[in-house]
Structures are given as C-alpha cells and as structure tokens.
Amino acid sequence: MIVPVGSWPEVHARPTGAFAPTLDSLGWGSGWERLPGGEDCAAFAAGDRVVKFLPPDAGAAVRREVALFERIRLPVPTPRLLDRHTTDGWSALLLTRVPGRPIGQVWSALSEAERERLLIAIGEVAAVMRLTQVHQEDPVIIDTRHGPEAEAWVHAHRRALGPNALLHGDLTDENVLVEGTRLSGVVDFGGVFVAPPLVDLVSPGVFLARGRRNRLRAILAGSGLDASPELLLAAHLLHPYSRLPRDLGFAGLPGDLPIERAVALWGG
C-alpha cells in the first residue's frame, strides 16, 4: 500500500483523486468514489465494497473495529470485513457495503410519524448492541468532561444508570442508513465504548430527536429502557462526544442553562 505524505488533517482534506495511488496499490478494484463525512477516516465506495482508510493514530480504533466484526450481530445489516492492509501504521479495511443512505440526508423530508418509527428502530438496534460481549480492550467511560458540577451530577446518578454495556456511541446522521422510510443498516464501529446503556441514546437524542419529548420517548421505547429527565441528563453528561451548550442549542434552548434548568426543559 502506498501511504500518503502529510498530517492526517491535510490528507483527509484532499480530493478523491489524490487517494488514487493508494487505492490502486491495494488491488481491491477501481472506480472508487468518496463517501461523505468521517473525521477519523476517509471512506470510498465502488459497487458493493467500501474501503475505509485510517491514519496511524487510529490504530487502537482499527483493532477494536476489526475485533468487533467477529462478535457483532444486529437486527439490521452491518459491514463485514473482507480484507485488511497495514503499512507504516496506516490502515485500509475492505468492507462489504451496507445498503441505504445516511439518515441525515433524508430526515427533513420525513413525516413526524416516520421519524418516530425510525427512532424506535434505532432504539431496537441499541438494545441488541448492548448484548454484545465486552472485550478487555474496549474503552470504558467513567467520567464526564463537563466540569465539577456535571461530575457531581453524574456521580449522584451513576448507580441508577445501571451496569455497563458495549455501545456504538454514534447512532445518528452518517452512521445510521435508511432505504425509503426503513432502517437499512448501521456502520462505523471504530468508536465503540463501554458505558451505561442509556448513553447510547444520547447521539440520536441530540441530532435526530433534538430533545423533543415524543421523539425521545420513541427511542426509549425501542431500546426497552425507561428514564427520568435526571437520568437522561446524567447519560448525556457522561457521553464522551457530548457538548452541552451545543446540544441544548439543537433543542432550541440557551447553551448556558444551569443543569437543573436543563433537566426541566430537555424533552419539553
């Protein structure tokens, strides 16, 4: 495999043509087109195959994802590993292509009833995901990055959040795929982590539910979980990718709300 020269941000920003020597050197086919999104990888598709290209500092995520391909069994299609190549730390994974379009591309065109049905299906995926066997290398989330007040909140509710499980962590936007109004697959398992099951509902709760009560209830119903507003916020604060001011803004709320007010208004 021919590895590109430059930092990952520089490499990631290059057009598809700049990756041609690397893709050609793999011998996995031709006619690759760049797939949208992805900050930690560059993905390309041709026919029923996908190449996922990752930099050296993503080595741990690559190992986790490769190991997970052997143990993940969700109620919707997920990628399967066909081949793998590593050179100087750079990794390329050849995967089967999961059918469908990213849910973020169609969300605005759906009716509210269609959105609720899809959120129920996402909750069902999360319910099965948390049954996946945890391995020693899976990172465990034990703390919040939102400061002392949030740390105290999470600590006060940690026991009520329940035991840890393996979570996808980002069931939304680019990683949940749909065909029409049907959930058709889930991709990108490089960011999995171990945390209370409710934490896996944070990403769809922010980016798709936008904090709306009927949508949050749909995700919870599909997941088989129940939670008070206090627990929902504790899970939110524990999620490693959450950014509370931004997330409150998605729900049309001021980003500087005290935690107690956020609890009262999230899901309203």
C-alpha atoms as a PDB file:
ATOM      1  CA  MET A   1       0.000   0.000   0.000  1.00  0.00           C
ATOM      2  CA  ILE A   2       1.313   3.435  -0.930  1.00  0.00           C
ATOM      3  CA  VAL A   3       0.875   5.694   2.080  1.00  0.00           C
ATOM      4  CA  PRO A   4       0.261   9.437   1.590  1.00  0.00           C
ATOM      5  CA  VAL A   5       2.627  12.098   2.865  1.00  0.00           C
ATOM      6  CA  GLY A   6       1.401  14.735   5.293  1.00  0.00           C
ATOM      7  CA  SER A   7      -0.551  15.165   8.503  1.00  0.00           C
ATOM      8  CA  TRP A   8      -3.932  13.489   8.791  1.00  0.00           C
ATOM      9  CA  PRO A   9      -5.944  16.754   8.544  1.00  0.00           C
ATOM     10  CA  GLU A  10      -4.058  17.569   5.316  1.00  0.00           C
ATOM     11  CA  VAL A  11      -4.531  14.073   3.899  1.00  0.00           C
ATOM     12  CA  HIS A  12      -8.209  13.921   4.886  1.00  0.00           C
ATOM     13  CA  ALA A  13      -8.941  17.212   3.137  1.00  0.00           C
ATOM     14  CA  ARG A  14      -7.521  16.070  -0.211  1.00  0.00           C
ATOM     15  CA  PRO A  15      -9.873  15.308  -3.117  1.00  0.00           C
ATOM     16  CA  THR A  16     -10.660  11.762  -4.190  1.00  0.00           C
ATOM     17  CA  GLY A  17      -8.109  11.847  -6.999  1.00  0.00           C
ATOM     18  CA  ALA A  18      -5.275  12.372  -4.526  1.00  0.00           C
ATOM     19  CA  PHE A  19      -6.066   8.977  -2.978  1.00  0.00           C
ATOM     20  CA  ALA A  20      -5.939   7.165  -6.342  1.00  0.00           C
ATOM     21  CA  PRO A  21      -2.324   5.894  -5.997  1.00  0.00           C
ATOM     22  CA  THR A  22      -3.096   4.470  -2.550  1.00  0.00           C
ATOM     23  CA  LEU A  23      -6.376   2.873  -3.633  1.00  0.00           C
ATOM     24  CA  ASP A  24      -4.843   1.431  -6.818  1.00  0.00           C
ATOM     25  CA  SER A  25      -1.918  -0.042  -4.898  1.00  0.00           C
ATOM     26  CA  LEU A  26      -4.295  -2.088  -2.737  1.00  0.00           C
ATOM     27  CA  GLY A  27      -5.515  -4.116  -5.710  1.00  0.00           C
ATOM     28  CA  TRP A  28      -9.089  -4.126  -4.439  1.00  0.00           C
ATOM     29  CA  GLY A  29     -10.724  -2.695  -7.550  1.00  0.00           C
ATOM     30  CA  SER A  30     -11.247   0.644  -9.246  1.00  0.00           C
ATOM     31  CA  GLY A  31     -13.851   3.344  -9.767  1.00  0.00           C
ATOM     32  CA  TRP A  32     -13.826   4.461  -6.132  1.00  0.00           C
ATOM     33  CA  GLU A  33     -15.900   7.459  -5.099  1.00  0.00           C
ATOM     34  CA  ARG A  34     -15.542   9.304  -1.808  1.00  0.00           C
ATOM     35  CA  LEU A  35     -18.257   8.781   0.768  1.00  0.00           C
ATOM     36  CA  PRO A  36     -19.374  11.824   2.781  1.00  0.00           C
ATOM     37  CA  GLY A  37     -18.444  12.558   6.371  1.00  0.00           C
ATOM     38  CA  GLY A  38     -15.984  10.906   8.683  1.00  0.00           C
ATOM     39  CA  GLU A  39     -13.377  12.841  10.638  1.00  0.00           C
ATOM     40  CA  ASP A  40     -11.216   9.918  11.696  1.00  0.00           C
ATOM     41  CA  CYS A  41     -11.227   8.085   8.360  1.00  0.00           C
ATOM     42  CA  ALA A  42     -11.594   8.528   4.615  1.00  0.00           C
ATOM     43  CA  ALA A  43     -14.102   6.128   3.057  1.00  0.00           C
ATOM     44  CA  PHE A  44     -14.526   5.196  -0.602  1.00  0.00           C
ATOM     45  CA  ALA A  45     -17.135   3.007  -2.305  1.00  0.00           C
ATOM     46  CA  ALA A  46     -17.287   1.063  -5.560  1.00  0.00           C
ATOM     47  CA  GLY A  47     -20.178  -1.280  -6.208  1.00  0.00           C
ATOM     48  CA  ASP A  48     -20.812  -3.448  -3.163  1.00  0.00           C
ATOM     49  CA  ARG A  49     -17.471  -2.687  -1.497  1.00  0.00           C
ATOM     50  CA  VAL A  50     -16.106   0.068   0.735  1.00  0.00           C
ATOM     51  CA  VAL A  51     -12.508   0.961   1.577  1.00  0.00           C
ATOM     52  CA  LYS A  52     -12.007   2.638   4.928  1.00  0.00           C
ATOM     53  CA  PHE A  53      -8.632   4.385   5.150  1.00  0.00           C
ATOM     54  CA  LEU A  54      -7.270   5.406   8.578  1.00  0.00           C
ATOM     55  CA  PRO A  55      -4.118   7.141   9.896  1.00  0.00           C
ATOM     56  CA  PRO A  56      -1.570   5.654  12.322  1.00  0.00           C
ATOM     57  CA  ASP A  57      -3.059   7.324  15.405  1.00  0.00           C
ATOM     58  CA  ALA A  58      -6.301   5.399  14.779  1.00  0.00           C
ATOM     59  CA  GLY A  59      -4.583   2.067  15.375  1.00  0.00           C
ATOM     60  CA  ALA A  60      -6.493   1.271  18.566  1.00  0.00           C
ATOM     61  CA  ALA A  61      -9.819   2.056  16.895  1.00  0.00           C
ATOM     62  CA  VAL A  62      -8.902  -0.155  13.938  1.00  0.00           C
ATOM     63  CA  ARG A  63      -8.102  -3.085  16.242  1.00  0.00           C
ATOM     64  CA  ARG A  64     -11.370  -2.628  18.113  1.00  0.00           C
ATOM     65  CA  GLU A  65     -13.405  -2.430  14.938  1.00  0.00           C
ATOM     66  CA  VAL A  66     -11.754  -5.486  13.379  1.00  0.00           C
ATOM     67  CA  ALA A  67     -12.342  -7.491  16.560  1.00  0.00           C
ATOM     68  CA  LEU A  68     -15.940  -6.297  16.716  1.00  0.00           C
ATOM     69  CA  PHE A  69     -16.738  -7.559  13.212  1.00  0.00           C
ATOM     70  CA  GLU A  70     -16.464 -11.077  14.645  1.00  0.00           C
ATOM     71  CA  ARG A  71     -18.916 -10.551  17.508  1.00  0.00           C
ATOM     72  CA  ILE A  72     -21.473  -8.000  16.337  1.00  0.00           C
ATOM     73  CA  ARG A  73     -24.907  -9.269  15.325  1.00  0.00           C
ATOM     74  CA  LEU A  74     -27.502  -6.511  14.944  1.00  0.00           C
ATOM     75  CA  PRO A  75     -31.076  -6.742  13.601  1.00  0.00           C
ATOM     76  CA  VAL A  76     -30.009  -4.701  10.535  1.00  0.00           C
ATOM     77  CA  PRO A  77     -27.079  -5.172   8.119  1.00  0.00           C
ATOM     78  CA  THR A  78     -23.616  -4.099   9.265  1.00  0.00           C
ATOM     79  CA  PRO A  79     -20.294  -4.108   7.373  1.00  0.00           C
ATOM     80  CA  ARG A  80     -18.321  -7.330   7.121  1.00  0.00           C
ATOM     81  CA  LEU A  81     -14.531  -7.361   6.873  1.00  0.00           C
ATOM     82  CA  LEU A  82     -13.231  -8.752   3.570  1.00  0.00           C
ATOM     83  CA  ASP A  83      -9.550  -7.800   3.765  1.00  0.00           C
ATOM     84  CA  ARG A  84      -7.122  -5.608   5.659  1.00  0.00           C
ATOM     85  CA  HIS A  85      -3.805  -3.965   4.866  1.00  0.00           C
ATOM     86  CA  THR A  86      -1.423  -2.001   7.094  1.00  0.00           C
ATOM     87  CA  THR A  87       1.726  -0.105   6.118  1.00  0.00           C
ATOM     88  CA  ASP A  88       3.748   2.113   8.477  1.00  0.00           C
ATOM     89  CA  GLY A  89       0.758   2.321  10.785  1.00  0.00           C
ATOM     90  CA  TRP A  90      -1.668   3.430   8.072  1.00  0.00           C
ATOM     91  CA  SER A  91      -4.605   1.025   7.758  1.00  0.00           C
ATOM     92  CA  ALA A  92      -7.004   0.172   4.957  1.00  0.00           C
ATOM     93  CA  LEU A  93     -10.047  -2.018   5.570  1.00  0.00           C
ATOM     94  CA  LEU A  94     -12.021  -3.587   2.743  1.00  0.00           C
ATOM     95  CA  LEU A  95     -15.639  -3.926   3.833  1.00  0.00           C
ATOM     96  CA  THR A  96     -18.948  -5.001   2.391  1.00  0.00           C
ATOM     97  CA  ARG A  97     -21.159  -2.041   1.536  1.00  0.00           C
ATOM     98  CA  VAL A  98     -24.324  -1.652   3.609  1.00  0.00           C
ATOM     99  CA  PRO A  99     -27.363  -0.569   1.571  1.00  0.00           C
ATOM    100  CA  GLY A 100     -29.060   2.770   2.066  1.00  0.00           C
ATOM    101  CA  ARG A 101     -28.417   6.462   2.538  1.00  0.00           C
ATOM    102  CA  PRO A 102     -27.305   8.256   5.720  1.00  0.00           C
ATOM    103  CA  ILE A 103     -30.383   9.146   7.733  1.00  0.00           C
ATOM    104  CA  GLY A 104     -29.229  12.760   7.983  1.00  0.00           C
ATOM    105  CA  GLN A 105     -29.743  13.159   4.231  1.00  0.00           C
ATOM    106  CA  VAL A 106     -33.458  12.327   4.389  1.00  0.00           C
ATOM    107  CA  TRP A 107     -34.512  13.348   7.903  1.00  0.00           C
ATOM    108  CA  SER A 108     -36.001  16.733   6.981  1.00  0.00           C
ATOM    109  CA  ALA A 109     -38.229  15.154   4.307  1.00  0.00           C
ATOM    110  CA  LEU A 110     -39.820  12.607   6.649  1.00  0.00           C
ATOM    111  CA  SER A 111     -43.144  12.976   8.422  1.00  0.00           C
ATOM    112  CA  GLU A 112     -43.142  13.022  12.214  1.00  0.00           C
ATOM    113  CA  ALA A 113     -44.708   9.557  12.310  1.00  0.00           C
ATOM    114  CA  GLU A 114     -41.954   8.220  10.028  1.00  0.00           C
ATOM    115  CA  ARG A 115     -39.313   9.804  12.227  1.00  0.00           C
ATOM    116  CA  GLU A 116     -40.775   8.199  15.334  1.00  0.00           C
ATOM    117  CA  ARG A 117     -40.812   4.765  13.687  1.00  0.00           C
ATOM    118  CA  LEU A 118     -37.166   5.138  12.692  1.00  0.00           C
ATOM    119  CA  LEU A 119     -36.230   6.271  16.195  1.00  0.00           C
ATOM    120  CA  ILE A 120     -37.938   3.193  17.617  1.00  0.00           C
ATOM    121  CA  ALA A 121     -35.858   1.077  15.208  1.00  0.00           C
ATOM    122  CA  ILE A 122     -32.670   2.861  16.317  1.00  0.00           C
ATOM    123  CA  GLY A 123     -33.600   2.117  19.915  1.00  0.00           C
ATOM    124  CA  GLU A 124     -34.030  -1.545  18.978  1.00  0.00           C
ATOM    125  CA  VAL A 125     -30.550  -1.570  17.460  1.00  0.00           C
ATOM    126  CA  ALA A 126     -29.155  -0.097  20.685  1.00  0.00           C
ATOM    127  CA  ALA A 127     -30.975  -2.787  22.684  1.00  0.00           C
ATOM    128  CA  VAL A 128     -29.230  -5.566  20.737  1.00  0.00           C
ATOM    129  CA  MET A 129     -25.896  -3.739  20.653  1.00  0.00           C
ATOM    130  CA  ARG A 130     -25.689  -3.716  24.439  1.00  0.00           C
ATOM    131  CA  LEU A 131     -25.882  -7.538  24.466  1.00  0.00           C
ATOM    132  CA  THR A 132     -22.583  -7.766  22.537  1.00  0.00           C
ATOM    133  CA  GLN A 133     -19.776  -9.300  24.546  1.00  0.00           C
ATOM    134  CA  VAL A 134     -17.352  -6.782  26.038  1.00  0.00           C
ATOM    135  CA  HIS A 135     -13.623  -7.338  25.446  1.00  0.00           C
ATOM    136  CA  GLN A 136     -10.823  -6.131  27.666  1.00  0.00           C
ATOM    137  CA  GLU A 137      -9.595  -3.657  25.022  1.00  0.00           C
ATOM    138  CA  ASP A 138     -12.953  -1.835  24.774  1.00  0.00           C
ATOM    139  CA  PRO A 139     -12.546   1.629  26.382  1.00  0.00           C
ATOM    140  CA  VAL A 140     -14.648   2.242  29.480  1.00  0.00           C
ATOM    141  CA  ILE A 141     -16.217   5.676  30.017  1.00  0.00           C
ATOM    142  CA  ILE A 142     -16.199   6.528  33.708  1.00  0.00           C
ATOM    143  CA  ASP A 143     -16.175  10.324  33.832  1.00  0.00           C
ATOM    144  CA  THR A 144     -17.654  13.458  32.307  1.00  0.00           C
ATOM    145  CA  ARG A 145     -15.696  16.229  30.629  1.00  0.00           C
ATOM    146  CA  HIS A 146     -18.200  18.961  31.507  1.00  0.00           C
ATOM    147  CA  GLY A 147     -16.653  20.196  34.759  1.00  0.00           C
ATOM    148  CA  PRO A 148     -17.190  19.806  38.505  1.00  0.00           C
ATOM    149  CA  GLU A 149     -20.955  20.482  38.525  1.00  0.00           C
ATOM    150  CA  ALA A 150     -21.548  17.868  35.845  1.00  0.00           C
ATOM    151  CA  GLU A 151     -19.199  15.452  37.614  1.00  0.00           C
ATOM    152  CA  ALA A 152     -21.240  15.763  40.796  1.00  0.00           C
ATOM    153  CA  TRP A 153     -24.464  15.218  38.818  1.00  0.00           C
ATOM    154  CA  VAL A 154     -23.148  12.083  37.124  1.00  0.00           C
ATOM    155  CA  HIS A 155     -21.775  10.749  40.414  1.00  0.00           C
ATOM    156  CA  ALA A 156     -25.135  11.242  42.132  1.00  0.00           C
ATOM    157  CA  HIS A 157     -26.979   9.276  39.418  1.00  0.00           C
ATOM    158  CA  ARG A 158     -24.315   6.777  38.371  1.00  0.00           C
ATOM    159  CA  ARG A 159     -25.775   3.782  40.218  1.00  0.00           C
ATOM    160  CA  ALA A 160     -29.263   4.424  38.804  1.00  0.00           C
ATOM    161  CA  LEU A 161     -27.816   4.413  35.266  1.00  0.00           C
ATOM    162  CA  GLY A 162     -27.237   0.673  35.675  1.00  0.00           C
ATOM    163  CA  PRO A 163     -24.414  -1.678  34.673  1.00  0.00           C
ATOM    164  CA  ASN A 164     -22.092  -1.009  31.770  1.00  0.00           C
ATOM    165  CA  ALA A 165     -22.508  -2.484  28.279  1.00  0.00           C
ATOM    166  CA  LEU A 166     -20.851  -2.161  24.880  1.00  0.00           C
ATOM    167  CA  LEU A 167     -22.287   0.822  22.973  1.00  0.00           C
ATOM    168  CA  HIS A 168     -21.990   2.053  19.394  1.00  0.00           C
ATOM    169  CA  GLY A 169     -21.734   5.635  20.619  1.00  0.00           C
ATOM    170  CA  ASP A 170     -22.867   7.456  17.460  1.00  0.00           C
ATOM    171  CA  LEU A 171     -26.158   6.038  16.172  1.00  0.00           C
ATOM    172  CA  THR A 172     -27.093   9.023  14.056  1.00  0.00           C
ATOM    173  CA  ASP A 173     -26.574  11.153  10.948  1.00  0.00           C
ATOM    174  CA  GLU A 174     -23.877   9.416   8.875  1.00  0.00           C
ATOM    175  CA  ASN A 175     -23.816   6.038  10.616  1.00  0.00           C
ATOM    176  CA  VAL A 176     -27.494   5.035  10.512  1.00  0.00           C
ATOM    177  CA  LEU A 177     -28.645   4.179   6.984  1.00  0.00           C
ATOM    178  CA  VAL A 178     -32.159   4.096   5.558  1.00  0.00           C
ATOM    179  CA  GLU A 179     -33.917   2.932   2.405  1.00  0.00           C
ATOM    180  CA  GLY A 180     -37.101   4.939   1.992  1.00  0.00           C
ATOM    181  CA  THR A 181     -38.556   5.063   5.498  1.00  0.00           C
ATOM    182  CA  ARG A 182     -36.960   1.801   6.644  1.00  0.00           C
ATOM    183  CA  LEU A 183     -33.790   1.420   8.683  1.00  0.00           C
ATOM    184  CA  SER A 184     -31.414  -0.463   6.374  1.00  0.00           C
ATOM    185  CA  GLY A 185     -28.123  -0.662   8.265  1.00  0.00           C
ATOM    186  CA  VAL A 186     -25.593   0.698  10.733  1.00  0.00           C
ATOM    187  CA  VAL A 187     -21.912   1.435  10.010  1.00  0.00           C
ATOM    188  CA  ASP A 188     -18.728   2.725  11.692  1.00  0.00           C
ATOM    189  CA  PHE A 189     -17.922   0.731  14.816  1.00  0.00           C
ATOM    190  CA  GLY A 190     -14.493   2.256  15.374  1.00  0.00           C
ATOM    191  CA  GLY A 191     -15.735   4.475  18.203  1.00  0.00           C
ATOM    192  CA  VAL A 192     -17.429   1.848  20.372  1.00  0.00           C
ATOM    193  CA  PHE A 193     -17.038   2.177  24.128  1.00  0.00           C
ATOM    194  CA  VAL A 194     -18.340   0.722  27.375  1.00  0.00           C
ATOM    195  CA  ALA A 195     -20.818   2.765  29.439  1.00  0.00           C
ATOM    196  CA  PRO A 196     -24.374   2.544  30.845  1.00  0.00           C
ATOM    197  CA  PRO A 197     -26.873   1.611  28.066  1.00  0.00           C
ATOM    198  CA  LEU A 198     -28.727   4.919  28.273  1.00  0.00           C
ATOM    199  CA  VAL A 199     -25.599   6.691  26.991  1.00  0.00           C
ATOM    200  CA  ASP A 200     -26.096   5.092  23.543  1.00  0.00           C
ATOM    201  CA  LEU A 201     -29.333   7.063  23.145  1.00  0.00           C
ATOM    202  CA  VAL A 202     -27.609  10.430  23.569  1.00  0.00           C
ATOM    203  CA  SER A 203     -26.449  10.923  19.962  1.00  0.00           C
ATOM    204  CA  PRO A 204     -29.827  10.148  18.326  1.00  0.00           C
ATOM    205  CA  GLY A 205     -31.495  12.112  21.124  1.00  0.00           C
ATOM    206  CA  VAL A 206     -29.481  15.186  20.170  1.00  0.00           C
ATOM    207  CA  PHE A 207     -29.088  15.076  16.400  1.00  0.00           C
ATOM    208  CA  LEU A 208     -32.382  13.408  15.439  1.00  0.00           C
ATOM    209  CA  ALA A 209     -34.759  13.827  18.369  1.00  0.00           C
ATOM    210  CA  ARG A 210     -33.481  17.362  19.018  1.00  0.00           C
ATOM    211  CA  GLY A 211     -34.622  16.966  22.624  1.00  0.00           C
ATOM    212  CA  ARG A 212     -38.307  16.658  21.631  1.00  0.00           C
ATOM    213  CA  ARG A 213     -40.323  14.617  24.100  1.00  0.00           C
ATOM    214  CA  ASN A 214     -42.232  12.439  21.620  1.00  0.00           C
ATOM    215  CA  ARG A 215     -39.015  11.509  19.790  1.00  0.00           C
ATOM    216  CA  LEU A 216     -37.091  10.767  22.981  1.00  0.00           C
ATOM    217  CA  ARG A 217     -39.953   8.502  24.073  1.00  0.00           C
ATOM    218  CA  ALA A 218     -39.748   6.681  20.729  1.00  0.00           C
ATOM    219  CA  ILE A 219     -36.029   5.954  21.168  1.00  0.00           C
ATOM    220  CA  LEU A 220     -36.591   4.819  24.752  1.00  0.00           C
ATOM    221  CA  ALA A 221     -39.492   2.594  23.713  1.00  0.00           C
ATOM    222  CA  GLY A 222     -37.401   0.855  21.070  1.00  0.00           C
ATOM    223  CA  SER A 223     -34.480   0.396  23.452  1.00  0.00           C
ATOM    224  CA  GLY A 224     -36.581  -1.134  26.202  1.00  0.00           C
ATOM    225  CA  LEU A 225     -35.243   1.435  28.655  1.00  0.00           C
ATOM    226  CA  ASP A 226     -37.043   3.930  30.850  1.00  0.00           C
ATOM    227  CA  ALA A 227     -35.512   7.033  32.331  1.00  0.00           C
ATOM    228  CA  SER A 228     -36.368  10.162  34.245  1.00  0.00           C
ATOM    229  CA  PRO A 229     -35.176  13.547  32.952  1.00  0.00           C
ATOM    230  CA  GLU A 230     -32.481  13.433  35.635  1.00  0.00           C
ATOM    231  CA  LEU A 231     -31.099  10.153  34.295  1.00  0.00           C
ATOM    232  CA  LEU A 232     -31.318  11.336  30.686  1.00  0.00           C
ATOM    233  CA  LEU A 233     -29.143  14.304  31.557  1.00  0.00           C
ATOM    234  CA  ALA A 234     -26.700  12.142  33.540  1.00  0.00           C
ATOM    235  CA  ALA A 235     -26.295   9.905  30.487  1.00  0.00           C
ATOM    236  CA  HIS A 236     -25.882  12.996  28.297  1.00  0.00           C
ATOM    237  CA  LEU A 237     -23.139  14.406  30.503  1.00  0.00           C
ATOM    238  CA  LEU A 238     -21.334  11.054  30.532  1.00  0.00           C
ATOM    239  CA  HIS A 239     -21.248  10.676  26.740  1.00  0.00           C
ATOM    240  CA  PRO A 240     -17.659  11.294  25.581  1.00  0.00           C
ATOM    241  CA  TYR A 241     -18.714  13.260  22.471  1.00  0.00           C
ATOM    242  CA  SER A 242     -21.378  15.445  24.098  1.00  0.00           C
ATOM    243  CA  ARG A 243     -21.090  19.220  24.174  1.00  0.00           C
ATOM    244  CA  LEU A 244     -23.866  20.511  26.390  1.00  0.00           C
ATOM    245  CA  PRO A 245     -24.126  24.132  25.123  1.00  0.00           C
ATOM    246  CA  ARG A 246     -24.252  22.925  21.507  1.00  0.00           C
ATOM    247  CA  ASP A 247     -26.687  20.140  22.323  1.00  0.00           C
ATOM    248  CA  LEU A 248     -29.068  22.429  24.188  1.00  0.00           C
ATOM    249  CA  GLY A 249     -28.965  24.707  21.150  1.00  0.00           C
ATOM    250  CA  PHE A 250     -30.211  21.830  18.967  1.00  0.00           C
ATOM    251  CA  ALA A 251     -33.280  21.731  21.208  1.00  0.00           C
ATOM    252  CA  GLY A 252     -33.767  25.497  20.886  1.00  0.00           C
ATOM    253  CA  LEU A 253     -32.543  26.122  24.449  1.00  0.00           C
ATOM    254  CA  PRO A 254     -29.898  28.567  25.721  1.00  0.00           C
ATOM    255  CA  GLY A 255     -26.497  26.922  25.912  1.00  0.00           C
ATOM    256  CA  ASP A 256     -25.632  28.388  29.311  1.00  0.00           C
ATOM    257  CA  LEU A 257     -28.548  26.866  31.252  1.00  0.00           C
ATOM    258  CA  PRO A 258     -27.777  25.576  34.755  1.00  0.00           C
ATOM    259  CA  ILE A 259     -28.027  21.798  34.965  1.00  0.00           C
ATOM    260  CA  GLU A 260     -31.260  21.926  36.970  1.00  0.00           C
ATOM    261  CA  ARG A 261     -32.951  24.018  34.269  1.00  0.00           C
ATOM    262  CA  ALA A 262     -31.586  21.778  31.531  1.00  0.00           C
ATOM    263  CA  VAL A 263     -33.201  18.804  33.295  1.00  0.00           C
ATOM    264  CA  ALA A 264     -36.536  20.577  33.446  1.00  0.00           C
ATOM    265  CA  LEU A 265     -36.535  21.684  29.788  1.00  0.00           C
ATOM    266  CA  TRP A 266     -34.820  18.833  27.894  1.00  0.00           C
ATOM    267  CA  GLY A 267     -37.555  16.732  26.379  1.00  0.00           C
ATOM    268  CA  GLY A 268     -40.079  19.539  26.606  1.00  0.00           C
END
